[in-house]
Amino acid sequence: MIKLERIVCPTDLSADSERTIRYAVAIARSSGAKVFVCYRPKSTPHEEEALATIQRLIKAGLTFPSGVTYDPSTIAWEAVLLEGSDLGQIITHEAQSRRADLIFMRSRRRPFAAALLGSTAEAVSRLAPCPVLIMHADEREWLDPATGEIALRNVLVAYDFSAHSQLALQYTLTLAQQYQAGLHMVHVLPPPIMDQPEIAWVGKTDTPYHQAARRLQEAVPAETHLWSNVKHAVQYGQPYAEILTYAQNNEIDLIAMGAHGAGFGIHTLFGSNVDRVLRQAQCPLLVAHPMKTDQNLTSSD
């Protein structure tokens, strides 16, 4: 299993930040990780005021309407004030310097025209030295409002047989086992070209569809079936569209995808499959990156 020990959580200290920090705190509490709550002042830093706000948000993340309250000493956290103009780069280098295992951040839903220019969340998900879990306001809840416990029911990994999607699978397996969630694996093929009579396809077991289905089954360790309900699906179409549709139809709480290095999505006007899922998914997205050192932090894989 992959162990989380250090989580970097950027925040703007707004009212919307409370939900993100609440989730980060819940994950840290269940995994024993330390949370580094990072904030970049918009004007002259007022360190004491910022620290007081972060402390209030941490406390709010441990208090629930049902009356359940967790002792702040049950999690380790540290407030970090950031400096610099490029927020994406700042967060990326902070995560590297802290040897973070996960960046946990919020993305704002923005008008499509503005989204074409990219966002801080997209920049971080491209350059990060570790996996990035991105939330947004209008999405499925998977934190029990009464107890504050993680309540992941279904997690999905978009699996294209690459090394990056294999890493996404490893994180998904860890989450599925830790929270006893159902595991969904989806592979998307391009639409088939039917250049033969339909009868020629009957009974065939060596088609790309069957090959992909077998590889999906082989990718999951046998013991996974002891603690998770595993489902495989091979779809035809545009990867991002099929992933979004499957997630909506199957009440997925978290999607995991592999990032293909610092360059993914940069060379296309409308963004990559990861960008599109990030902007449209009704649940959080985990972008899986291999751990990077400072020397290769900004290089593509």
C-alpha atoms as a PDB file:
ATOM      1  CA  MET A   1       0.000   0.000   0.000  1.00  0.00           C
ATOM      2  CA  ILE A   2       1.011   3.586  -0.626  1.00  0.00           C
ATOM      3  CA  LYS A   3       1.435   5.500   2.641  1.00  0.00           C
ATOM      4  CA  LEU A   4       0.590   9.176   2.988  1.00  0.00           C
ATOM      5  CA  GLU A   5       2.844  11.021   5.420  1.00  0.00           C
ATOM      6  CA  ARG A   6       2.913  14.650   4.192  1.00  0.00           C
ATOM      7  CA  ILE A   7       0.012  16.520   2.577  1.00  0.00           C
ATOM      8  CA  VAL A   8       0.338  20.030   1.128  1.00  0.00           C
ATOM      9  CA  CYS A   9      -2.970  21.892   1.145  1.00  0.00           C
ATOM     10  CA  PRO A  10      -2.993  25.349  -0.524  1.00  0.00           C
ATOM     11  CA  THR A  11      -5.774  27.702   0.596  1.00  0.00           C
ATOM     12  CA  ASP A  12      -6.939  31.270  -0.002  1.00  0.00           C
ATOM     13  CA  LEU A  13      -8.528  31.375   3.496  1.00  0.00           C
ATOM     14  CA  SER A  14     -11.955  32.115   1.995  1.00  0.00           C
ATOM     15  CA  ALA A  15     -15.195  30.651   3.315  1.00  0.00           C
ATOM     16  CA  ASP A  16     -14.994  27.997   0.580  1.00  0.00           C
ATOM     17  CA  SER A  17     -11.634  26.897   1.968  1.00  0.00           C
ATOM     18  CA  GLU A  18     -13.250  25.313   5.009  1.00  0.00           C
ATOM     19  CA  ARG A  19     -14.613  22.349   3.027  1.00  0.00           C
ATOM     20  CA  THR A  20     -11.267  21.618   1.363  1.00  0.00           C
ATOM     21  CA  ILE A  21      -9.386  21.768   4.645  1.00  0.00           C
ATOM     22  CA  ARG A  22     -12.070  19.630   6.289  1.00  0.00           C
ATOM     23  CA  TYR A  23     -11.408  16.887   3.727  1.00  0.00           C
ATOM     24  CA  ALA A  24      -7.625  17.266   3.951  1.00  0.00           C
ATOM     25  CA  VAL A  25      -7.833  17.011   7.739  1.00  0.00           C
ATOM     26  CA  ALA A  26     -10.034  13.907   7.498  1.00  0.00           C
ATOM     27  CA  ILE A  27      -7.568  12.174   5.169  1.00  0.00           C
ATOM     28  CA  ALA A  28      -4.655  13.191   7.401  1.00  0.00           C
ATOM     29  CA  ARG A  29      -6.441  11.919  10.493  1.00  0.00           C
ATOM     30  CA  SER A  30      -7.194   8.532   8.912  1.00  0.00           C
ATOM     31  CA  SER A  31      -3.707   8.104   7.436  1.00  0.00           C
ATOM     32  CA  GLY A  32      -1.598   9.705  10.172  1.00  0.00           C
ATOM     33  CA  ALA A  33      -0.208  12.298   7.749  1.00  0.00           C
ATOM     34  CA  LYS A  34       0.915  15.834   8.523  1.00  0.00           C
ATOM     35  CA  VAL A  35      -0.869  18.689   6.741  1.00  0.00           C
ATOM     36  CA  PHE A  36       1.008  21.763   5.530  1.00  0.00           C
ATOM     37  CA  VAL A  37      -1.635  24.471   5.055  1.00  0.00           C
ATOM     38  CA  CYS A  38      -0.149  26.936   2.546  1.00  0.00           C
ATOM     39  CA  TYR A  39      -1.317  30.509   2.016  1.00  0.00           C
ATOM     40  CA  ARG A  40      -0.052  33.331  -0.192  1.00  0.00           C
ATOM     41  CA  PRO A  41      -1.073  36.772   1.122  1.00  0.00           C
ATOM     42  CA  LYS A  42      -2.599  39.049  -1.536  1.00  0.00           C
ATOM     43  CA  SER A  43      -1.030  42.116   0.035  1.00  0.00           C
ATOM     44  CA  THR A  44       1.380  42.884   2.846  1.00  0.00           C
ATOM     45  CA  PRO A  45       1.574  39.703   4.928  1.00  0.00           C
ATOM     46  CA  HIS A  46      -0.252  39.761   8.256  1.00  0.00           C
ATOM     47  CA  GLU A  47       1.238  36.595   9.600  1.00  0.00           C
ATOM     48  CA  GLU A  48      -0.584  36.519  12.931  1.00  0.00           C
ATOM     49  CA  GLU A  49      -3.967  37.087  11.280  1.00  0.00           C
ATOM     50  CA  ALA A  50      -3.314  34.407   8.656  1.00  0.00           C
ATOM     51  CA  LEU A  51      -2.165  31.904  11.260  1.00  0.00           C
ATOM     52  CA  ALA A  52      -5.252  32.586  13.376  1.00  0.00           C
ATOM     53  CA  THR A  53      -7.513  32.008  10.363  1.00  0.00           C
ATOM     54  CA  ILE A  54      -5.756  28.757   9.473  1.00  0.00           C
ATOM     55  CA  GLN A  55      -6.067  27.578  13.061  1.00  0.00           C
ATOM     56  CA  ARG A  56      -9.789  28.377  12.962  1.00  0.00           C
ATOM     57  CA  LEU A  57     -10.200  26.414   9.710  1.00  0.00           C
ATOM     58  CA  ILE A  58      -8.340  23.443  11.172  1.00  0.00           C
ATOM     59  CA  LYS A  59     -10.602  23.509  14.226  1.00  0.00           C
ATOM     60  CA  ALA A  60     -13.679  23.755  11.993  1.00  0.00           C
ATOM     61  CA  GLY A  61     -12.404  20.737  10.075  1.00  0.00           C
ATOM     62  CA  LEU A  62     -12.509  18.730  13.296  1.00  0.00           C
ATOM     63  CA  THR A  63     -15.988  19.858  14.414  1.00  0.00           C
ATOM     64  CA  PHE A  64     -19.274  18.539  13.003  1.00  0.00           C
ATOM     65  CA  PRO A  65     -22.950  19.577  13.348  1.00  0.00           C
ATOM     66  CA  SER A  66     -23.788  16.282  15.053  1.00  0.00           C
ATOM     67  CA  GLY A  67     -21.633  17.334  17.986  1.00  0.00           C
ATOM     68  CA  VAL A  68     -18.703  15.072  17.121  1.00  0.00           C
ATOM     69  CA  THR A  69     -15.476  16.964  17.750  1.00  0.00           C
ATOM     70  CA  TYR A  70     -11.969  15.614  17.354  1.00  0.00           C
ATOM     71  CA  ASP A  71      -9.046  16.732  19.452  1.00  0.00           C
ATOM     72  CA  PRO A  72      -6.757  19.033  17.362  1.00  0.00           C
ATOM     73  CA  SER A  73      -3.804  17.127  18.780  1.00  0.00           C
ATOM     74  CA  THR A  74      -4.935  14.063  16.805  1.00  0.00           C
ATOM     75  CA  ILE A  75      -3.436  15.551  13.636  1.00  0.00           C
ATOM     76  CA  ALA A  76      -0.131  17.264  12.928  1.00  0.00           C
ATOM     77  CA  TRP A  77      -0.310  20.457  10.911  1.00  0.00           C
ATOM     78  CA  GLU A  78       1.808  23.460  10.042  1.00  0.00           C
ATOM     79  CA  ALA A  79       0.904  26.825   8.533  1.00  0.00           C
ATOM     80  CA  VAL A  80       3.147  27.975   5.672  1.00  0.00           C
ATOM     81  CA  LEU A  81       3.135  31.485   4.173  1.00  0.00           C
ATOM     82  CA  LEU A  82       4.049  31.504   0.481  1.00  0.00           C
ATOM     83  CA  GLU A  83       5.825  34.211  -1.485  1.00  0.00           C
ATOM     84  CA  GLY A  84       6.001  34.781  -5.233  1.00  0.00           C
ATOM     85  CA  SER A  85       3.878  35.725  -8.241  1.00  0.00           C
ATOM     86  CA  ASP A  86       3.347  32.383 -10.020  1.00  0.00           C
ATOM     87  CA  LEU A  87       1.091  30.493  -7.638  1.00  0.00           C
ATOM     88  CA  GLY A  88       1.284  27.215  -9.563  1.00  0.00           C
ATOM     89  CA  GLN A  89       5.086  27.201  -9.418  1.00  0.00           C
ATOM     90  CA  ILE A  90       5.087  28.246  -5.755  1.00  0.00           C
ATOM     91  CA  ILE A  91       2.802  25.377  -4.729  1.00  0.00           C
ATOM     92  CA  THR A  92       4.782  22.921  -6.845  1.00  0.00           C
ATOM     93  CA  HIS A  93       8.127  23.856  -5.287  1.00  0.00           C
ATOM     94  CA  GLU A  94       6.650  23.951  -1.781  1.00  0.00           C
ATOM     95  CA  ALA A  95       5.421  20.388  -2.246  1.00  0.00           C
ATOM     96  CA  GLN A  96       8.848  19.350  -3.481  1.00  0.00           C
ATOM     97  CA  SER A  97      10.680  20.986  -0.595  1.00  0.00           C
ATOM     98  CA  ARG A  98       8.301  19.362   1.909  1.00  0.00           C
ATOM     99  CA  ARG A  99       8.689  15.971   0.191  1.00  0.00           C
ATOM    100  CA  ALA A 100       4.897  15.849  -0.058  1.00  0.00           C
ATOM    101  CA  ASP A 101       3.109  12.586  -0.837  1.00  0.00           C
ATOM    102  CA  LEU A 102      -0.034  14.422  -1.934  1.00  0.00           C
ATOM    103  CA  ILE A 103      -1.174  17.916  -2.880  1.00  0.00           C
ATOM    104  CA  PHE A 104      -4.774  18.489  -1.859  1.00  0.00           C
ATOM    105  CA  MET A 105      -6.328  21.592  -3.403  1.00  0.00           C
ATOM    106  CA  ARG A 106      -9.499  23.245  -4.627  1.00  0.00           C
ATOM    107  CA  SER A 107     -10.294  24.324  -8.175  1.00  0.00           C
ATOM    108  CA  ARG A 108     -12.818  26.997  -9.045  1.00  0.00           C
ATOM    109  CA  ARG A 109     -15.338  26.353 -11.800  1.00  0.00           C
ATOM    110  CA  ARG A 110     -14.783  29.146 -14.304  1.00  0.00           C
ATOM    111  CA  PRO A 111     -16.365  30.228 -17.609  1.00  0.00           C
ATOM    112  CA  PHE A 112     -15.198  28.031 -20.491  1.00  0.00           C
ATOM    113  CA  ALA A 113     -13.426  30.902 -22.260  1.00  0.00           C
ATOM    114  CA  ALA A 114     -11.384  31.653 -19.146  1.00  0.00           C
ATOM    115  CA  ALA A 115     -10.679  27.964 -18.579  1.00  0.00           C
ATOM    116  CA  LEU A 116      -8.910  27.784 -21.941  1.00  0.00           C
ATOM    117  CA  LEU A 117      -6.149  29.884 -20.427  1.00  0.00           C
ATOM    118  CA  GLY A 118      -5.588  27.311 -17.721  1.00  0.00           C
ATOM    119  CA  SER A 119      -5.909  27.524 -13.947  1.00  0.00           C
ATOM    120  CA  THR A 120      -3.712  27.163 -10.897  1.00  0.00           C
ATOM    121  CA  ALA A 121      -5.071  23.656 -10.318  1.00  0.00           C
ATOM    122  CA  GLU A 122      -4.282  22.657 -13.899  1.00  0.00           C
ATOM    123  CA  ALA A 123      -0.789  24.153 -13.664  1.00  0.00           C
ATOM    124  CA  VAL A 124      -0.101  22.273 -10.436  1.00  0.00           C
ATOM    125  CA  SER A 125      -1.500  19.016 -11.827  1.00  0.00           C
ATOM    126  CA  ARG A 126       0.930  19.328 -14.767  1.00  0.00           C
ATOM    127  CA  LEU A 127       4.075  20.209 -12.803  1.00  0.00           C
ATOM    128  CA  ALA A 128       3.557  18.585  -9.417  1.00  0.00           C
ATOM    129  CA  PRO A 129       6.303  16.396  -7.897  1.00  0.00           C
ATOM    130  CA  CYS A 130       3.622  14.100  -6.440  1.00  0.00           C
ATOM    131  CA  PRO A 131      -0.042  13.149  -6.978  1.00  0.00           C
ATOM    132  CA  VAL A 132      -2.618  15.949  -6.825  1.00  0.00           C
ATOM    133  CA  LEU A 133      -6.156  15.543  -5.488  1.00  0.00           C
ATOM    134  CA  ILE A 134      -8.372  18.342  -6.792  1.00  0.00           C
ATOM    135  CA  MET A 135     -11.794  19.238  -5.413  1.00  0.00           C
ATOM    136  CA  HIS A 136     -14.376  21.801  -6.490  1.00  0.00           C
ATOM    137  CA  ALA A 137     -17.559  23.230  -5.061  1.00  0.00           C
ATOM    138  CA  ASP A 138     -20.297  21.355  -6.977  1.00  0.00           C
ATOM    139  CA  GLU A 139     -19.432  17.702  -6.452  1.00  0.00           C
ATOM    140  CA  ARG A 140     -20.448  14.549  -4.626  1.00  0.00           C
ATOM    141  CA  GLU A 141     -19.843  14.461  -0.880  1.00  0.00           C
ATOM    142  CA  TRP A 142     -17.786  11.589   0.528  1.00  0.00           C
ATOM    143  CA  LEU A 143     -17.235  12.826   4.049  1.00  0.00           C
ATOM    144  CA  ASP A 144     -19.818  11.642   6.586  1.00  0.00           C
ATOM    145  CA  PRO A 145     -21.409  14.881   7.881  1.00  0.00           C
ATOM    146  CA  ALA A 146     -22.173  13.316  11.258  1.00  0.00           C
ATOM    147  CA  THR A 147     -18.845  11.716  12.101  1.00  0.00           C
ATOM    148  CA  GLY A 148     -16.305  13.337   9.782  1.00  0.00           C
ATOM    149  CA  GLU A 149     -15.189   9.914   8.607  1.00  0.00           C
ATOM    150  CA  ILE A 150     -14.164   9.275   4.998  1.00  0.00           C
ATOM    151  CA  ALA A 151     -17.067   7.524   3.253  1.00  0.00           C
ATOM    152  CA  LEU A 152     -15.749   6.627  -0.182  1.00  0.00           C
ATOM    153  CA  ARG A 153     -18.133   4.136  -1.763  1.00  0.00           C
ATOM    154  CA  ASN A 154     -16.926   3.935  -5.365  1.00  0.00           C
ATOM    155  CA  VAL A 155     -13.553   4.921  -6.850  1.00  0.00           C
ATOM    156  CA  LEU A 156     -12.689   4.832 -10.542  1.00  0.00           C
ATOM    157  CA  VAL A 157      -9.332   4.557 -12.272  1.00  0.00           C
ATOM    158  CA  ALA A 158      -9.014   5.483 -15.935  1.00  0.00           C
ATOM    159  CA  TYR A 159      -6.587   2.791 -17.058  1.00  0.00           C
ATOM    160  CA  ASP A 160      -4.756   3.002 -20.402  1.00  0.00           C
ATOM    161  CA  PHE A 161      -2.011   0.459 -19.526  1.00  0.00           C
ATOM    162  CA  SER A 162       0.656   3.189 -19.268  1.00  0.00           C
ATOM    163  CA  ALA A 163       3.064   3.494 -16.336  1.00  0.00           C
ATOM    164  CA  HIS A 164       1.209   6.601 -15.198  1.00  0.00           C
ATOM    165  CA  SER A 165      -2.167   4.867 -15.150  1.00  0.00           C
ATOM    166  CA  GLN A 166      -0.519   2.001 -13.243  1.00  0.00           C
ATOM    167  CA  LEU A 167       0.483   4.531 -10.595  1.00  0.00           C
ATOM    168  CA  ALA A 168      -3.088   5.847 -10.554  1.00  0.00           C
ATOM    169  CA  LEU A 169      -4.244   2.269  -9.994  1.00  0.00           C
ATOM    170  CA  GLN A 170      -1.867   1.842  -7.045  1.00  0.00           C
ATOM    171  CA  TYR A 171      -3.309   4.924  -5.333  1.00  0.00           C
ATOM    172  CA  THR A 172      -6.841   3.798  -6.130  1.00  0.00           C
ATOM    173  CA  LEU A 173      -6.159   0.342  -4.689  1.00  0.00           C
ATOM    174  CA  THR A 174      -4.822   1.946  -1.512  1.00  0.00           C
ATOM    175  CA  LEU A 175      -7.914   4.128  -1.114  1.00  0.00           C
ATOM    176  CA  ALA A 176     -10.304   1.301  -1.979  1.00  0.00           C
ATOM    177  CA  GLN A 177      -8.723  -0.996   0.605  1.00  0.00           C
ATOM    178  CA  GLN A 178      -8.429   1.639   3.323  1.00  0.00           C
ATOM    179  CA  TYR A 179     -12.031   2.807   2.974  1.00  0.00           C
ATOM    180  CA  GLN A 180     -13.587  -0.455   1.730  1.00  0.00           C
ATOM    181  CA  ALA A 181     -14.766   1.154  -1.502  1.00  0.00           C
ATOM    182  CA  GLY A 182     -15.804  -0.443  -4.767  1.00  0.00           C
ATOM    183  CA  LEU A 183     -13.108  -0.322  -7.454  1.00  0.00           C
ATOM    184  CA  HIS A 184     -14.044   0.547 -11.036  1.00  0.00           C
ATOM    185  CA  MET A 185     -11.542   0.260 -13.901  1.00  0.00           C
ATOM    186  CA  VAL A 186     -12.337   1.860 -17.254  1.00  0.00           C
ATOM    187  CA  HIS A 187     -10.388   1.614 -20.508  1.00  0.00           C
ATOM    188  CA  VAL A 188     -11.520   3.604 -23.550  1.00  0.00           C
ATOM    189  CA  LEU A 189     -10.911   2.437 -27.113  1.00  0.00           C
ATOM    190  CA  PRO A 190     -11.374   4.489 -30.281  1.00  0.00           C
ATOM    191  CA  PRO A 191     -14.596   3.674 -32.137  1.00  0.00           C
ATOM    192  CA  PRO A 192     -14.124   0.461 -34.169  1.00  0.00           C
ATOM    193  CA  ILE A 193     -13.883   0.584 -37.936  1.00  0.00           C
ATOM    194  CA  MET A 194     -16.370  -1.935 -39.226  1.00  0.00           C
ATOM    195  CA  ASP A 195     -14.854  -2.716 -42.620  1.00  0.00           C
ATOM    196  CA  GLN A 196     -16.009  -6.337 -42.590  1.00  0.00           C
ATOM    197  CA  PRO A 197     -19.466  -7.911 -42.677  1.00  0.00           C
ATOM    198  CA  GLU A 198     -21.028  -7.989 -39.219  1.00  0.00           C
ATOM    199  CA  ILE A 199     -21.040 -11.794 -39.194  1.00  0.00           C
ATOM    200  CA  ALA A 200     -17.231 -11.750 -39.384  1.00  0.00           C
ATOM    201  CA  TRP A 201     -17.092 -10.301 -35.861  1.00  0.00           C
ATOM    202  CA  VAL A 202     -19.269 -12.969 -34.281  1.00  0.00           C
ATOM    203  CA  GLY A 203     -17.399 -15.243 -31.870  1.00  0.00           C
ATOM    204  CA  LYS A 204     -14.081 -13.451 -32.087  1.00  0.00           C
ATOM    205  CA  THR A 205     -12.079 -13.284 -28.859  1.00  0.00           C
ATOM    206  CA  ASP A 206      -8.926 -11.573 -30.100  1.00  0.00           C
ATOM    207  CA  THR A 207     -10.409  -8.173 -30.853  1.00  0.00           C
ATOM    208  CA  PRO A 208      -9.007  -5.021 -29.185  1.00  0.00           C
ATOM    209  CA  TYR A 209     -12.064  -5.072 -26.934  1.00  0.00           C
ATOM    210  CA  HIS A 210     -11.383  -8.585 -25.634  1.00  0.00           C
ATOM    211  CA  GLN A 211      -7.667  -7.905 -25.306  1.00  0.00           C
ATOM    212  CA  ALA A 212      -8.325  -4.780 -23.248  1.00  0.00           C
ATOM    213  CA  ALA A 213     -10.851  -6.608 -21.065  1.00  0.00           C
ATOM    214  CA  ARG A 214      -8.316  -9.349 -20.279  1.00  0.00           C
ATOM    215  CA  ARG A 215      -5.583  -6.833 -19.495  1.00  0.00           C
ATOM    216  CA  LEU A 216      -7.896  -4.957 -17.117  1.00  0.00           C
ATOM    217  CA  GLN A 217      -8.602  -8.163 -15.203  1.00  0.00           C
ATOM    218  CA  GLU A 218      -4.909  -9.075 -15.069  1.00  0.00           C
ATOM    219  CA  ALA A 219      -3.931  -5.628 -13.747  1.00  0.00           C
ATOM    220  CA  VAL A 220      -5.777  -6.108 -10.444  1.00  0.00           C
ATOM    221  CA  PRO A 221      -4.110  -8.290  -7.777  1.00  0.00           C
ATOM    222  CA  ALA A 222      -6.207 -11.351  -6.968  1.00  0.00           C
ATOM    223  CA  GLU A 223      -6.478 -10.444  -3.275  1.00  0.00           C
ATOM    224  CA  THR A 224      -8.246  -7.193  -4.172  1.00  0.00           C
ATOM    225  CA  HIS A 225     -11.460  -9.167  -4.672  1.00  0.00           C
ATOM    226  CA  LEU A 226     -11.381 -10.128  -0.978  1.00  0.00           C
ATOM    227  CA  TRP A 227     -12.041  -6.555   0.180  1.00  0.00           C
ATOM    228  CA  SER A 228     -13.433  -4.698  -2.835  1.00  0.00           C
ATOM    229  CA  ASN A 229     -16.161  -5.178  -5.408  1.00  0.00           C
ATOM    230  CA  VAL A 230     -14.133  -4.847  -8.624  1.00  0.00           C
ATOM    231  CA  LYS A 231     -15.787  -3.856 -11.902  1.00  0.00           C
ATOM    232  CA  HIS A 232     -14.153  -3.590 -15.322  1.00  0.00           C
ATOM    233  CA  ALA A 233     -15.461  -1.685 -18.315  1.00  0.00           C
ATOM    234  CA  VAL A 234     -14.164  -1.230 -21.845  1.00  0.00           C
ATOM    235  CA  GLN A 235     -15.819   1.651 -23.685  1.00  0.00           C
ATOM    236  CA  TYR A 236     -15.618   3.115 -27.170  1.00  0.00           C
ATOM    237  CA  GLY A 237     -15.368   6.861 -27.759  1.00  0.00           C
ATOM    238  CA  GLN A 238     -13.580   9.967 -26.501  1.00  0.00           C
ATOM    239  CA  PRO A 239     -11.732   9.065 -23.268  1.00  0.00           C
ATOM    240  CA  TYR A 240     -12.768  12.127 -21.247  1.00  0.00           C
ATOM    241  CA  ALA A 241     -16.424  11.847 -22.315  1.00  0.00           C
ATOM    242  CA  GLU A 242     -16.655   8.134 -21.526  1.00  0.00           C
ATOM    243  CA  ILE A 243     -14.947   8.604 -18.157  1.00  0.00           C
ATOM    244  CA  LEU A 244     -17.334  11.419 -17.194  1.00  0.00           C
ATOM    245  CA  THR A 245     -20.397   9.454 -18.315  1.00  0.00           C
ATOM    246  CA  TYR A 246     -19.325   6.300 -16.503  1.00  0.00           C
ATOM    247  CA  ALA A 247     -18.588   8.258 -13.317  1.00  0.00           C
ATOM    248  CA  GLN A 248     -22.008   9.887 -13.368  1.00  0.00           C
ATOM    249  CA  ASN A 249     -23.906   6.678 -14.129  1.00  0.00           C
ATOM    250  CA  ASN A 250     -22.112   4.710 -11.404  1.00  0.00           C
ATOM    251  CA  GLU A 251     -22.089   7.303  -8.594  1.00  0.00           C
ATOM    252  CA  ILE A 252     -18.308   7.515  -8.507  1.00  0.00           C
ATOM    253  CA  ASP A 253     -16.881   9.457  -5.539  1.00  0.00           C
ATOM    254  CA  LEU A 254     -13.320   9.833  -6.851  1.00  0.00           C
ATOM    255  CA  ILE A 255     -11.686   9.525 -10.284  1.00  0.00           C
ATOM    256  CA  ALA A 256      -7.979   8.708 -10.621  1.00  0.00           C
ATOM    257  CA  MET A 257      -6.032   9.345 -13.826  1.00  0.00           C
ATOM    258  CA  GLY A 258      -2.374   9.164 -14.723  1.00  0.00           C
ATOM    259  CA  ALA A 259      -0.620  12.359 -15.811  1.00  0.00           C
ATOM    260  CA  HIS A 260       1.795  12.055 -18.692  1.00  0.00           C
ATOM    261  CA  GLY A 261       4.414  14.481 -17.414  1.00  0.00           C
ATOM    262  CA  ALA A 262       4.721  18.249 -17.378  1.00  0.00           C
ATOM    263  CA  GLY A 263       3.616  18.620 -20.993  1.00  0.00           C
ATOM    264  CA  PHE A 264       0.187  17.012 -20.940  1.00  0.00           C
ATOM    265  CA  GLY A 265      -2.544  19.269 -22.223  1.00  0.00           C
ATOM    266  CA  ILE A 266      -0.200  22.131 -23.124  1.00  0.00           C
ATOM    267  CA  HIS A 267      -0.024  21.430 -26.861  1.00  0.00           C
ATOM    268  CA  THR A 268      -3.771  21.280 -27.473  1.00  0.00           C
ATOM    269  CA  LEU A 269      -6.078  24.288 -27.460  1.00  0.00           C
ATOM    270  CA  PHE A 270      -8.886  22.693 -25.502  1.00  0.00           C
ATOM    271  CA  GLY A 271      -6.750  20.765 -23.034  1.00  0.00           C
ATOM    272  CA  SER A 272      -6.081  17.086 -22.438  1.00  0.00           C
ATOM    273  CA  ASN A 273      -8.425  14.394 -21.179  1.00  0.00           C
ATOM    274  CA  VAL A 274      -7.191  15.153 -17.656  1.00  0.00           C
ATOM    275  CA  ASP A 275      -7.986  18.870 -18.057  1.00  0.00           C
ATOM    276  CA  ARG A 276     -11.472  18.149 -19.348  1.00  0.00           C
ATOM    277  CA  VAL A 277     -12.276  15.670 -16.597  1.00  0.00           C
ATOM    278  CA  LEU A 278     -10.961  18.169 -14.048  1.00  0.00           C
ATOM    279  CA  ARG A 279     -13.266  20.894 -15.375  1.00  0.00           C
ATOM    280  CA  GLN A 280     -16.397  18.782 -15.718  1.00  0.00           C
ATOM    281  CA  ALA A 281     -16.334  15.905 -13.224  1.00  0.00           C
ATOM    282  CA  GLN A 282     -18.972  15.751 -10.523  1.00  0.00           C
ATOM    283  CA  CYS A 283     -16.459  14.324  -8.071  1.00  0.00           C
ATOM    284  CA  PRO A 284     -12.815  15.013  -7.090  1.00  0.00           C
ATOM    285  CA  LEU A 285      -9.983  14.017  -9.418  1.00  0.00           C
ATOM    286  CA  LEU A 286      -6.687  12.434  -8.374  1.00  0.00           C
ATOM    287  CA  VAL A 287      -3.932  13.126 -10.918  1.00  0.00           C
ATOM    288  CA  ALA A 288      -1.212  10.541 -10.320  1.00  0.00           C
ATOM    289  CA  HIS A 289       2.391  11.690 -10.782  1.00  0.00           C
ATOM    290  CA  PRO A 290       5.543   9.724 -10.071  1.00  0.00           C
ATOM    291  CA  MET A 291       7.560  11.341  -7.310  1.00  0.00           C
ATOM    292  CA  LYS A 292      10.041  13.880  -8.691  1.00  0.00           C
ATOM    293  CA  THR A 293      13.228  15.424  -7.392  1.00  0.00           C
ATOM    294  CA  ASP A 294      14.172  19.089  -7.637  1.00  0.00           C
ATOM    295  CA  GLN A 295      16.410  18.358 -10.641  1.00  0.00           C
ATOM    296  CA  ASN A 296      13.584  17.038 -12.837  1.00  0.00           C
ATOM    297  CA  LEU A 297      10.743  19.016 -11.323  1.00  0.00           C
ATOM    298  CA  THR A 298       9.947  21.027 -14.422  1.00  0.00           C
ATOM    299  CA  SER A 299      10.963  18.504 -17.071  1.00  0.00           C
ATOM    300  CA  SER A 300       8.503  16.336 -18.910  1.00  0.00           C
ATOM    301  CA  ASP A 301       8.445  12.595 -18.350  1.00  0.00           C
END
